[in-house]
PDB file of N, CA and C in Angstrom:
ATOM      1  N   MET A   1     -54.454-116.706 130.691  1.00  0.00           N
ATOM      2  CA  MET A   1     -55.164-117.295 129.582  1.00  0.00           C
ATOM      3  C   MET A   1     -54.843-116.586 128.277  1.00  0.00           C
ATOM      4  N   GLU A   2     -54.214-115.433 128.353  1.00  0.00           N
ATOM      5  CA  GLU A   2     -53.896-114.692 127.140  1.00  0.00           C
ATOM      6  C   GLU A   2     -52.888-115.436 126.273  1.00  0.00           C
ATOM      7  N   ASP A   3     -52.061-116.300 126.866  1.00  0.00           N
ATOM      8  CA  ASP A   3     -51.068-117.041 126.111  1.00  0.00           C
ATOM      9  C   ASP A   3     -51.641-118.289 125.448  1.00  0.00           C
ATOM     10  N   TYR A   4     -52.872-118.617 125.757  1.00  0.00           N
ATOM     11  CA  TYR A   4     -53.497-119.805 125.185  1.00  0.00           C
ATOM     12  C   TYR A   4     -53.898-119.503 123.747  1.00  0.00           C
ATOM     13  N   THR A   5     -53.306-120.199 122.806  1.00  0.00           N
ATOM     14  CA  THR A   5     -53.534-119.930 121.389  1.00  0.00           C
ATOM     15  C   THR A   5     -54.384-121.025 120.755  1.00  0.00           C
ATOM     16  N   PHE A   6     -54.882-120.739 119.572  1.00  0.00           N
ATOM     17  CA  PHE A   6     -55.650-121.746 118.847  1.00  0.00           C
ATOM     18  C   PHE A   6     -54.772-122.939 118.488  1.00  0.00           C
ATOM     19  N   GLU A   7     -53.510-122.686 118.175  1.00  0.00           N
ATOM     20  CA  GLU A   7     -52.597-123.776 117.831  1.00  0.00           C
ATOM     21  C   GLU A   7     -52.445-124.747 118.997  1.00  0.00           C
ATOM     22  N   ARG A   8     -52.388-124.208 120.221  1.00  0.00           N
ATOM     23  CA  ARG A   8     -52.294-125.072 121.405  1.00  0.00           C
ATOM     24  C   ARG A   8     -53.588-125.873 121.591  1.00  0.00           C
ATOM     25  N   LEU A   9     -54.726-125.215 121.406  1.00  0.00           N
ATOM     26  CA  LEU A   9     -56.018-125.902 121.504  1.00  0.00           C
ATOM     27  C   LEU A   9     -56.084-127.030 120.482  1.00  0.00           C
ATOM     28  N   TRP A  10     -55.705-126.739 119.238  1.00  0.00           N
ATOM     29  CA  TRP A  10     -55.736-127.740 118.186  1.00  0.00           C
ATOM     30  C   TRP A  10     -54.800-128.901 118.512  1.00  0.00           C
ATOM     31  N   TYR A  11     -53.593-128.608 119.011  1.00  0.00           N
ATOM     32  CA  TYR A  11     -52.631-129.649 119.371  1.00  0.00           C
ATOM     33  C   TYR A  11     -53.186-130.542 120.482  1.00  0.00           C
ATOM     34  N   GLU A  12     -53.776-129.932 121.521  1.00  0.00           N
ATOM     35  CA  GLU A  12     -54.314-130.710 122.633  1.00  0.00           C
ATOM     36  C   GLU A  12     -55.477-131.580 122.192  1.00  0.00           C
ATOM     37  N   LEU A  13     -56.316-131.078 121.298  1.00  0.00           N
ATOM     38  CA  LEU A  13     -57.388-131.909 120.751  1.00  0.00           C
ATOM     39  C   LEU A  13     -56.809-133.072 119.954  1.00  0.00           C
ATOM     40  N   SER A  14     -55.751-132.822 119.197  1.00  0.00           N
ATOM     41  CA  SER A  14     -55.105-133.875 118.405  1.00  0.00           C
ATOM     42  C   SER A  14     -54.454-134.943 119.276  1.00  0.00           C
ATOM     43  N   GLN A  15     -54.035-134.560 120.487  1.00  0.00           N
ATOM     44  CA  GLN A  15     -53.403-135.487 121.419  1.00  0.00           C
ATOM     45  C   GLN A  15     -54.423-136.274 122.245  1.00  0.00           C
ATOM     46  N   GLY A  16     -55.718-136.017 122.039  1.00  0.00           N
ATOM     47  CA  GLY A  16     -56.751-136.787 122.724  1.00  0.00           C
ATOM     48  C   GLY A  16     -57.382-136.096 123.918  1.00  0.00           C
ATOM     49  N   TYR A  17     -57.000-134.853 124.177  1.00  0.00           N
ATOM     50  CA  TYR A  17     -57.627-134.125 125.281  1.00  0.00           C
ATOM     51  C   TYR A  17     -59.026-133.694 124.890  1.00  0.00           C
ATOM     52  N   GLN A  18     -59.870-133.551 125.891  1.00  0.00           N
ATOM     53  CA  GLN A  18     -61.187-132.964 125.705  1.00  0.00           C
ATOM     54  C   GLN A  18     -61.143-131.573 126.311  1.00  0.00           C
ATOM     55  N   ILE A  19     -61.769-130.616 125.651  1.00  0.00           N
ATOM     56  CA  ILE A  19     -61.739-129.229 126.077  1.00  0.00           C
ATOM     57  C   ILE A  19     -63.129-128.830 126.549  1.00  0.00           C
ATOM     58  N   GLN A  20     -63.196-128.300 127.774  1.00  0.00           N
ATOM     59  CA  GLN A  20     -64.446-127.734 128.278  1.00  0.00           C
ATOM     60  C   GLN A  20     -64.324-126.224 128.217  1.00  0.00           C
ATOM     61  N   TYR A  21     -65.382-125.568 127.759  1.00  0.00           N
ATOM     62  CA  TYR A  21     -65.345-124.117 127.645  1.00  0.00           C
ATOM     63  C   TYR A  21     -66.750-123.539 127.778  1.00  0.00           C
ATOM     64  N   THR A  22     -66.803-122.244 128.035  1.00  0.00           N
ATOM     65  CA  THR A  22     -68.064-121.518 128.129  1.00  0.00           C
ATOM     66  C   THR A  22     -68.201-120.653 126.883  1.00  0.00           C
ATOM     67  N   TYR A  23     -69.383-120.705 126.280  1.00  0.00           N
ATOM     68  CA  TYR A  23     -69.688-119.894 125.104  1.00  0.00           C
ATOM     69  C   TYR A  23     -71.142-119.475 125.213  1.00  0.00           C
ATOM     70  N   MET A  24     -71.380-118.183 125.212  1.00  0.00           N
ATOM     71  CA  MET A  24     -72.734-117.620 125.341  1.00  0.00           C
ATOM     72  C   MET A  24     -73.458-118.170 126.573  1.00  0.00           C
ATOM     73  N   ASN A  25     -72.769-118.158 127.702  1.00  0.00           N
ATOM     74  CA  ASN A  25     -73.314-118.590 129.003  1.00  0.00           C
ATOM     75  C   ASN A  25     -73.658-120.069 129.072  1.00  0.00           C
ATOM     76  N   ASN A  26     -73.206-120.856 128.140  1.00  0.00           N
ATOM     77  CA  ASN A  26     -73.403-122.301 128.169  1.00  0.00           C
ATOM     78  C   ASN A  26     -72.043-122.983 128.221  1.00  0.00           C
ATOM     79  N   ARG A  27     -71.991-124.123 128.906  1.00  0.00           N
ATOM     80  CA  ARG A  27     -70.755-124.889 129.050  1.00  0.00           C
ATOM     81  C   ARG A  27     -70.779-126.037 128.047  1.00  0.00           C
ATOM     82  N   TYR A  28     -69.678-126.208 127.300  1.00  0.00           N
ATOM     83  CA  TYR A  28     -69.574-127.230 126.264  1.00  0.00           C
ATOM     84  C   TYR A  28     -68.356-128.108 126.492  1.00  0.00           C
ATOM     85  N   LEU A  29     -68.410-129.304 125.914  1.00  0.00           N
ATOM     86  CA  LEU A  29     -67.289-130.236 125.884  1.00  0.00           C
ATOM     87  C   LEU A  29     -66.944-130.472 124.421  1.00  0.00           C
ATOM     88  N   LEU A  30     -65.686-130.196 124.054  1.00  0.00           N
ATOM     89  CA  LEU A  30     -65.222-130.331 122.685  1.00  0.00           C
ATOM     90  C   LEU A  30     -64.184-131.436 122.611  1.00  0.00           C
ATOM     91  N   SER A  31     -64.317-132.333 121.646  1.00  0.00           N
ATOM     92  CA  SER A  31     -63.326-133.398 121.480  1.00  0.00           C
ATOM     93  C   SER A  31     -63.191-133.728 119.993  1.00  0.00           C
ATOM     94  N   LYS A  32     -62.035-134.256 119.634  1.00  0.00           N
ATOM     95  CA  LYS A  32     -61.768-134.608 118.241  1.00  0.00           C
ATOM     96  C   LYS A  32     -62.296-136.003 117.959  1.00  0.00           C
ATOM     97  N   VAL A  33     -63.004-136.138 116.845  1.00  0.00           N
ATOM     98  CA  VAL A  33     -63.550-137.429 116.442  1.00  0.00           C
ATOM     99  C   VAL A  33     -62.642-138.054 115.382  1.00  0.00           C
ATOM    100  N   THR A  34     -62.442-137.354 114.282  1.00  0.00           N
ATOM    101  CA  THR A  34     -61.536-137.777 113.221  1.00  0.00           C
ATOM    102  C   THR A  34     -60.884-136.532 112.641  1.00  0.00           C
ATOM    103  N   ASN A  35     -60.149-136.712 111.565  1.00  0.00           N
ATOM    104  CA  ASN A  35     -59.510-135.579 110.907  1.00  0.00           C
ATOM    105  C   ASN A  35     -60.571-134.576 110.446  1.00  0.00           C
ATOM    106  N   ASN A  36     -60.448-133.330 110.883  1.00  0.00           N
ATOM    107  CA  ASN A  36     -61.358-132.233 110.540  1.00  0.00           C
ATOM    108  C   ASN A  36     -62.790-132.466 111.018  1.00  0.00           C
ATOM    109  N   CYS A  37     -62.995-133.250 112.061  1.00  0.00           N
ATOM    110  CA  CYS A  37     -64.322-133.516 112.599  1.00  0.00           C
ATOM    111  C   CYS A  37     -64.251-133.495 114.129  1.00  0.00           C
ATOM    112  N   TYR A  38     -65.025-132.609 114.747  1.00  0.00           N
ATOM    113  CA  TYR A  38     -65.005-132.425 116.192  1.00  0.00           C
ATOM    114  C   TYR A  38     -66.424-132.500 116.722  1.00  0.00           C
ATOM    115  N   SER A  39     -66.573-133.059 117.923  1.00  0.00           N
ATOM    116  CA  SER A  39     -67.898-133.117 118.543  1.00  0.00           C
ATOM    117  C   SER A  39     -67.993-132.052 119.621  1.00  0.00           C
ATOM    118  N   GLN A  40     -69.158-131.432 119.694  1.00  0.00           N
ATOM    119  CA  GLN A  40     -69.439-130.423 120.706  1.00  0.00           C
ATOM    120  C   GLN A  40     -70.670-130.871 121.473  1.00  0.00           C
ATOM    121  N   GLU A  41     -70.506-131.074 122.774  1.00  0.00           N
ATOM    122  CA  GLU A  41     -71.603-131.546 123.614  1.00  0.00           C
ATOM    123  C   GLU A  41     -71.964-130.469 124.621  1.00  0.00           C
ATOM    124  N   LEU A  42     -73.235-130.167 124.729  1.00  0.00           N
ATOM    125  CA  LEU A  42     -73.725-129.167 125.668  1.00  0.00           C
ATOM    126  C   LEU A  42     -73.746-129.765 127.070  1.00  0.00           C
ATOM    127  N   LEU A  43     -73.050-129.133 128.021  1.00  0.00           N
ATOM    128  CA  LEU A  43     -72.988-129.637 129.386  1.00  0.00           C
ATOM    129  C   LEU A  43     -73.997-128.955 130.305  1.00  0.00           C
ATOM    130  N   THR A  44     -74.337-127.706 130.025  1.00  0.00           N
ATOM    131  CA  THR A  44     -75.328-126.983 130.817  1.00  0.00           C
ATOM    132  C   THR A  44     -76.480-126.580 129.911  1.00  0.00           C
ATOM    133  N   GLN A  45     -77.658-126.581 130.450  1.00  0.00           N
ATOM    134  CA  GLN A  45     -78.848-126.237 129.676  1.00  0.00           C
ATOM    135  C   GLN A  45     -79.534-125.038 130.308  1.00  0.00           C
ATOM    136  N   LYS A  46     -79.617-123.941 129.590  1.00  0.00           N
ATOM    137  CA  LYS A  46     -80.345-122.753 130.032  1.00  0.00           C
ATOM    138  C   LYS A  46     -81.754-122.827 129.444  1.00  0.00           C
ATOM    139  N   GLU A  47     -82.756-122.641 130.295  1.00  0.00           N
ATOM    140  CA  GLU A  47     -84.135-122.782 129.830  1.00  0.00           C
ATOM    141  C   GLU A  47     -84.508-121.758 128.763  1.00  0.00           C
ATOM    142  N   LYS A  48     -84.014-120.528 128.900  1.00  0.00           N
ATOM    143  CA  LYS A  48     -84.381-119.489 127.953  1.00  0.00           C
ATOM    144  C   LYS A  48     -83.396-119.359 126.801  1.00  0.00           C
ATOM    145  N   ASN A  49     -82.431-120.233 126.743  1.00  0.00           N
ATOM    146  CA  ASN A  49     -81.415-120.161 125.700  1.00  0.00           C
ATOM    147  C   ASN A  49     -81.160-121.555 125.129  1.00  0.00           C
ATOM    148  N   PRO A  50     -82.139-122.124 124.405  1.00  0.00           N
ATOM    149  CA  PRO A  50     -81.978-123.504 123.930  1.00  0.00           C
ATOM    150  C   PRO A  50     -80.919-123.629 122.841  1.00  0.00           C
ATOM    151  N   HIS A  51     -80.077-124.634 122.968  1.00  0.00           N
ATOM    152  CA  HIS A  51     -79.058-124.964 121.986  1.00  0.00           C
ATOM    153  C   HIS A  51     -79.076-126.466 121.768  1.00  0.00           C
ATOM    154  N   ALA A  52     -78.507-126.898 120.672  1.00  0.00           N
ATOM    155  CA  ALA A  52     -78.410-128.332 120.384  1.00  0.00           C
ATOM    156  C   ALA A  52     -77.545-129.002 121.442  1.00  0.00           C
ATOM    157  N   LYS A  53     -77.976-130.175 121.925  1.00  0.00           N
ATOM    158  CA  LYS A  53     -77.220-130.883 122.958  1.00  0.00           C
ATOM    159  C   LYS A  53     -75.938-131.491 122.404  1.00  0.00           C
ATOM    160  N   PHE A  54     -75.935-131.806 121.128  1.00  0.00           N
ATOM    161  CA  PHE A  54     -74.773-132.427 120.513  1.00  0.00           C
ATOM    162  C   PHE A  54     -74.676-131.947 119.072  1.00  0.00           C
ATOM    163  N   SER A  55     -73.479-131.583 118.655  1.00  0.00           N
ATOM    164  CA  SER A  55     -73.288-131.178 117.264  1.00  0.00           C
ATOM    165  C   SER A  55     -71.885-131.538 116.810  1.00  0.00           C
ATOM    166  N   MET A  56     -71.737-131.673 115.503  1.00  0.00           N
ATOM    167  CA  MET A  56     -70.450-131.961 114.895  1.00  0.00           C
ATOM    168  C   MET A  56     -69.946-130.685 114.235  1.00  0.00           C
ATOM    169  N   LEU A  57     -68.649-130.407 114.423  1.00  0.00           N
ATOM    170  CA  LEU A  57     -68.052-129.186 113.901  1.00  0.00           C
ATOM    171  C   LEU A  57     -66.836-129.512 113.045  1.00  0.00           C
ATOM    172  N   THR A  58     -66.526-128.616 112.132  1.00  0.00           N
ATOM    173  CA  THR A  58     -65.284-128.721 111.373  1.00  0.00           C
ATOM    174  C   THR A  58     -64.218-127.900 112.096  1.00  0.00           C
ATOM    175  N   LEU A  59     -62.980-128.075 111.695  1.00  0.00           N
ATOM    176  CA  LEU A  59     -61.884-127.308 112.277  1.00  0.00           C
ATOM    177  C   LEU A  59     -62.078-125.816 112.018  1.00  0.00           C
ATOM    178  N   LYS A  60     -62.616-125.479 110.862  1.00  0.00           N
ATOM    179  CA  LYS A  60     -62.873-124.066 110.533  1.00  0.00           C
ATOM    180  C   LYS A  60     -63.849-123.450 111.539  1.00  0.00           C
ATOM    181  N   ARG A  61     -64.904-124.174 111.891  1.00  0.00           N
ATOM    182  CA  ARG A  61     -65.885-123.659 112.852  1.00  0.00           C
ATOM    183  C   ARG A  61     -65.277-123.544 114.251  1.00  0.00           C
ATOM    184  N   VAL A  62     -64.465-124.508 114.650  1.00  0.00           N
ATOM    185  CA  VAL A  62     -63.791-124.440 115.950  1.00  0.00           C
ATOM    186  C   VAL A  62     -62.897-123.208 115.995  1.00  0.00           C
ATOM    187  N   LYS A  63     -62.214-122.940 114.895  1.00  0.00           N
ATOM    188  CA  LYS A  63     -61.339-121.762 114.825  1.00  0.00           C
ATOM    189  C   LYS A  63     -62.154-120.473 114.922  1.00  0.00           C
ATOM    190  N   GLU A  64     -63.345-120.440 114.350  1.00  0.00           N
ATOM    191  CA  GLU A  64     -64.217-119.266 114.445  1.00  0.00           C
ATOM    192  C   GLU A  64     -64.724-119.060 115.874  1.00  0.00           C
ATOM    193  N   LEU A  65     -64.982-120.153 116.596  1.00  0.00           N
ATOM    194  CA  LEU A  65     -65.483-120.067 117.968  1.00  0.00           C
ATOM    195  C   LEU A  65     -64.398-119.682 118.972  1.00  0.00           C
ATOM    196  N   PHE A  66     -63.152-120.026 118.676  1.00  0.00           N
ATOM    197  CA  PHE A  66     -62.067-119.883 119.646  1.00  0.00           C
ATOM    198  C   PHE A  66     -61.968-118.505 120.304  1.00  0.00           C
ATOM    199  N   PRO A  67     -62.037-117.392 119.577  1.00  0.00           N
ATOM    200  CA  PRO A  67     -61.893-116.095 120.250  1.00  0.00           C
ATOM    201  C   PRO A  67     -62.990-115.804 121.281  1.00  0.00           C
ATOM    202  N   TYR A  68     -64.113-116.502 121.192  1.00  0.00           N
ATOM    203  CA  TYR A  68     -65.244-116.251 122.087  1.00  0.00           C
ATOM    204  C   TYR A  68     -65.356-117.275 123.213  1.00  0.00           C
ATOM    205  N   MET A  69     -64.456-118.244 123.236  1.00  0.00           N
ATOM    206  CA  MET A  69     -64.452-119.251 124.299  1.00  0.00           C
ATOM    207  C   MET A  69     -63.933-118.632 125.587  1.00  0.00           C
ATOM    208  N   GLU A  70     -64.598-118.941 126.698  1.00  0.00           N
ATOM    209  CA  GLU A  70     -64.182-118.460 128.009  1.00  0.00           C
ATOM    210  C   GLU A  70     -64.012-119.650 128.940  1.00  0.00           C
ATOM    211  N   ASP A  71     -63.256-119.460 130.013  1.00  0.00           N
ATOM    212  CA  ASP A  71     -63.056-120.490 131.051  1.00  0.00           C
ATOM    213  C   ASP A  71     -62.663-121.831 130.436  1.00  0.00           C
ATOM    214  N   ILE A  72     -61.645-121.816 129.612  1.00  0.00           N
ATOM    215  CA  ILE A  72     -61.206-123.033 128.918  1.00  0.00           C
ATOM    216  C   ILE A  72     -60.469-123.947 129.895  1.00  0.00           C
ATOM    217  N   GLU A  73     -60.895-125.199 129.950  1.00  0.00           N
ATOM    218  CA  GLU A  73     -60.252-126.233 130.749  1.00  0.00           C
ATOM    219  C   GLU A  73     -60.077-127.457 129.859  1.00  0.00           C
ATOM    220  N   TYR A  74     -59.081-128.251 130.143  1.00  0.00           N
ATOM    221  CA  TYR A  74     -58.934-129.474 129.369  1.00  0.00           C
ATOM    222  C   TYR A  74     -58.737-130.652 130.299  1.00  0.00           C
ATOM    223  N   LYS A  75     -59.119-131.818 129.808  1.00  0.00           N
ATOM    224  CA  LYS A  75     -58.960-133.049 130.578  1.00  0.00           C
ATOM    225  C   LYS A  75     -58.591-134.178 129.643  1.00  0.00           C
ATOM    226  N   VAL A  76     -58.050-135.232 130.216  1.00  0.00           N
ATOM    227  CA  VAL A  76     -57.658-136.393 129.437  1.00  0.00           C
ATOM    228  C   VAL A  76     -58.893-137.238 129.195  1.00  0.00           C
ATOM    229  N   ARG A  77     -59.058-137.674 127.957  1.00  0.00           N
ATOM    230  CA  ARG A  77     -60.175-138.554 127.624  1.00  0.00           C
ATOM    231  C   ARG A  77     -59.965-139.888 128.306  1.00  0.00           C
ATOM    232  N   TYR A  78     -61.000-140.464 128.875  1.00  0.00           N
ATOM    233  CA  TYR A  78     -60.903-141.745 129.576  1.00  0.00           C
ATOM    234  C   TYR A  78     -60.649-142.857 128.576  1.00  0.00           C
ATOM    235  N   ILE A  79     -59.574-143.586 128.800  1.00  0.00           N
ATOM    236  CA  ILE A  79     -59.239-144.760 127.992  1.00  0.00           C
ATOM    237  C   ILE A  79     -59.063-145.934 128.943  1.00  0.00           C
ATOM    238  N   ASN A  80     -59.726-147.020 128.682  1.00  0.00           N
ATOM    239  CA  ASN A  80     -59.657-148.176 129.556  1.00  0.00           C
ATOM    240  C   ASN A  80     -58.371-148.956 129.262  1.00  0.00           C
ATOM    241  N   LEU A  81     -57.362-148.745 130.073  1.00  0.00           N
ATOM    242  CA  LEU A  81     -56.078-149.429 129.903  1.00  0.00           C
ATOM    243  C   LEU A  81     -55.790-150.300 131.113  1.00  0.00           C
ATOM    244  N   LYS A  82     -55.164-151.435 130.870  1.00  0.00           N
ATOM    245  CA  LYS A  82     -54.774-152.334 131.963  1.00  0.00           C
ATOM    246  C   LYS A  82     -53.283-152.601 131.844  1.00  0.00           C
ATOM    247  N   CYS A  83     -52.615-152.683 132.954  1.00  0.00           N
ATOM    248  CA  CYS A  83     -51.178-152.944 132.964  1.00  0.00           C
ATOM    249  C   CYS A  83     -50.966-154.422 133.276  1.00  0.00           C
ATOM    250  N   LYS A  84     -50.178-155.093 132.450  1.00  0.00           N
ATOM    251  CA  LYS A  84     -49.880-156.498 132.710  1.00  0.00           C
ATOM    252  C   LYS A  84     -49.008-156.604 133.949  1.00  0.00           C
ATOM    253  N   LYS A  85     -49.400-157.450 134.898  1.00  0.00           N
ATOM    254  CA  LYS A  85     -48.697-157.557 136.175  1.00  0.00           C
ATOM    255  C   LYS A  85     -47.264-158.040 136.009  1.00  0.00           C
ATOM    256  N   GLU A  86     -47.035-158.953 135.066  1.00  0.00           N
ATOM    257  CA  GLU A  86     -45.687-159.501 134.916  1.00  0.00           C
ATOM    258  C   GLU A  86     -44.694-158.462 134.389  1.00  0.00           C
ATOM    259  N   LYS A  87     -45.166-157.395 133.780  1.00  0.00           N
ATOM    260  CA  LYS A  87     -44.298-156.360 133.233  1.00  0.00           C
ATOM    261  C   LYS A  87     -44.196-155.148 134.168  1.00  0.00           C
ATOM    262  N   LEU A  88     -44.782-155.229 135.345  1.00  0.00           N
ATOM    263  CA  LEU A  88     -44.875-154.084 136.240  1.00  0.00           C
ATOM    264  C   LEU A  88     -43.513-153.507 136.594  1.00  0.00           C
ATOM    265  N   TYR A  89     -42.522-154.336 136.835  1.00  0.00           N
ATOM    266  CA  TYR A  89     -41.229-153.855 137.263  1.00  0.00           C
ATOM    267  C   TYR A  89     -40.269-153.614 136.095  1.00  0.00           C
ATOM    268  N   GLU A  90     -40.610-154.101 134.906  1.00  0.00           N
ATOM    269  CA  GLU A  90     -39.755-153.924 133.744  1.00  0.00           C
ATOM    270  C   GLU A  90     -40.176-152.726 132.902  1.00  0.00           C
ATOM    271  N   GLY A  91     -41.102-151.952 133.398  1.00  0.00           N
ATOM    272  CA  GLY A  91     -41.697-150.892 132.581  1.00  0.00           C
ATOM    273  C   GLY A  91     -43.031-151.403 132.085  1.00  0.00           C
ATOM    274  N   CYS A  92     -44.066-150.759 132.449  1.00  0.00           N
ATOM    275  CA  CYS A  92     -45.409-151.262 132.204  1.00  0.00           C
ATOM    276  C   CYS A  92     -45.733-151.320 130.711  1.00  0.00           C
ATOM    277  N   ASN A  93     -46.259-152.434 130.272  1.00  0.00           N
ATOM    278  CA  ASN A  93     -46.698-152.617 128.904  1.00  0.00           C
ATOM    279  C   ASN A  93     -48.208-152.405 128.891  1.00  0.00           C
ATOM    280  N   TRP A  94     -48.649-151.280 128.405  1.00  0.00           N
ATOM    281  CA  TRP A  94     -50.087-150.947 128.439  1.00  0.00           C
ATOM    282  C   TRP A  94     -50.821-151.610 127.286  1.00  0.00           C
ATOM    283  N   THR A  95     -51.968-152.220 127.607  1.00  0.00           N
ATOM    284  CA  THR A  95     -52.794-152.857 126.590  1.00  0.00           C
ATOM    285  C   THR A  95     -54.225-152.432 126.790  1.00  0.00           C
ATOM    286  N   ARG A  96     -55.021-152.556 125.746  1.00  0.00           N
ATOM    287  CA  ARG A  96     -56.453-152.234 125.849  1.00  0.00           C
ATOM    288  C   ARG A  96     -57.222-153.460 126.228  1.00  0.00           C
TER     289      ARG A  96
END
Protein backbone atom coordinates (compact mmCIF):
# COMPACT_ATOMS: atom_id res chain seq x y z
CA MET A 1 0.00 0.00 0.00
CA GLU A 2 3.01 2.28 0.29
CA ASP A 3 3.03 2.73 -3.50
CA TYR A 4 -0.56 3.96 -3.52
CA THR A 5 -0.37 7.70 -4.16
CA PHE A 6 -2.90 10.50 -4.08
CA GLU A 7 -2.49 10.91 -7.84
CA ARG A 8 -3.60 7.29 -8.33
CA LEU A 9 -6.57 7.80 -6.00
CA TRP A 10 -7.56 10.95 -7.88
CA TYR A 11 -7.20 9.19 -11.27
CA GLU A 12 -9.34 6.23 -10.15
CA LEU A 13 -12.04 8.56 -8.85
CA SER A 14 -11.95 10.41 -12.19
CA GLN A 15 -12.38 7.10 -14.03
CA GLY A 16 -15.59 6.34 -12.10
CA TYR A 17 -14.27 4.06 -9.36
CA GLN A 18 -15.63 4.29 -5.85
CA ILE A 19 -13.10 4.15 -3.03
CA GLN A 20 -13.80 2.49 0.31
CA TYR A 21 -11.50 3.40 3.17
CA THR A 22 -11.22 3.47 6.96
CA TYR A 23 -10.73 6.78 8.75
CA MET A 24 -10.89 7.15 12.54
CA ASN A 25 -12.29 3.61 12.93
CA ASN A 26 -15.17 4.31 10.54
CA ARG A 27 -15.59 2.90 7.03
CA TYR A 28 -16.45 5.36 4.23
CA LEU A 29 -17.33 5.25 0.54
CA LEU A 30 -15.86 8.04 -1.59
CA SER A 31 -16.96 8.80 -5.15
CA LYS A 32 -16.67 11.68 -7.59
CA VAL A 33 -19.83 13.66 -8.29
CA THR A 34 -18.58 16.48 -10.54
CA ASN A 35 -15.43 18.49 -11.05
CA ASN A 36 -13.95 19.28 -7.60
CA CYS A 37 -16.96 17.71 -5.83
CA TYR A 38 -16.83 14.33 -4.07
CA SER A 39 -19.36 12.48 -1.94
CA GLN A 40 -18.40 10.70 1.26
CA GLU A 41 -20.86 8.17 2.66
CA LEU A 42 -20.50 6.59 6.09
CA LEU A 43 -20.70 2.78 5.80
CA THR A 44 -20.22 1.87 9.47
CA GLN A 45 -21.75 3.61 12.45
CA LYS A 46 -20.00 3.64 15.83
CA GLU A 47 -22.38 4.48 18.67
CA LYS A 48 -19.82 6.49 20.64
CA ASN A 49 -18.31 8.18 17.61
CA PRO A 50 -21.12 9.90 15.67
CA HIS A 51 -20.27 11.27 12.23
CA ALA A 52 -22.36 12.62 9.37
CA LYS A 53 -23.80 9.79 7.25
CA PHE A 54 -23.28 11.73 4.04
CA SER A 55 -21.12 14.72 3.19
CA MET A 56 -19.77 16.54 0.17
CA LEU A 57 -16.03 17.21 -0.06
CA THR A 58 -13.74 19.25 -2.27
CA LEU A 59 -10.59 17.83 -3.83
CA LYS A 60 -8.55 19.83 -1.31
CA ARG A 61 -10.30 18.07 1.60
CA VAL A 62 -9.85 14.64 -0.01
CA LYS A 63 -6.15 15.43 -0.37
CA GLU A 64 -5.98 16.38 3.33
CA LEU A 65 -7.67 13.09 4.34
CA PHE A 66 -5.53 10.87 2.11
CA PRO A 67 -2.52 10.38 4.45
CA TYR A 68 -4.89 9.13 7.19
CA MET A 69 -6.90 6.71 5.04
CA GLU A 70 -6.41 3.04 5.90
CA ASP A 71 -7.53 -0.22 4.23
CA ILE A 72 -8.18 1.48 0.90
CA GLU A 73 -10.22 -0.60 -1.56
CA TYR A 74 -11.80 0.42 -4.81
CA LYS A 75 -14.69 -0.89 -6.86
CA VAL A 76 -16.38 -0.11 -10.13
CA ARG A 77 -19.49 2.03 -9.85
CA TYR A 78 -22.58 0.12 -11.00
CA ILE A 79 -23.76 1.29 -14.40
CA ASN A 80 -26.80 -0.30 -15.99
CA LEU A 81 -25.56 -1.29 -19.45
CA LYS A 82 -27.17 -3.64 -21.96
CA CYS A 83 -25.48 -5.26 -24.93
CA LYS A 84 -27.41 -5.36 -28.19
CA LYS A 85 -27.77 -9.01 -29.22
CA GLU A 86 -27.30 -8.35 -32.94
CA LYS A 87 -23.86 -6.81 -32.28
CA LEU A 88 -22.69 -9.60 -29.94
CA TYR A 89 -20.32 -11.22 -32.42
CA GLU A 90 -19.17 -8.00 -34.13
CA GLY A 91 -17.93 -6.42 -30.92
CA CYS A 92 -20.51 -5.43 -28.38
CA ASN A 93 -22.10 -2.01 -28.76
CA TRP A 94 -22.88 -0.92 -25.20
CA THR A 95 -25.91 1.29 -24.62
CA ARG A 96 -27.65 2.67 -21.55
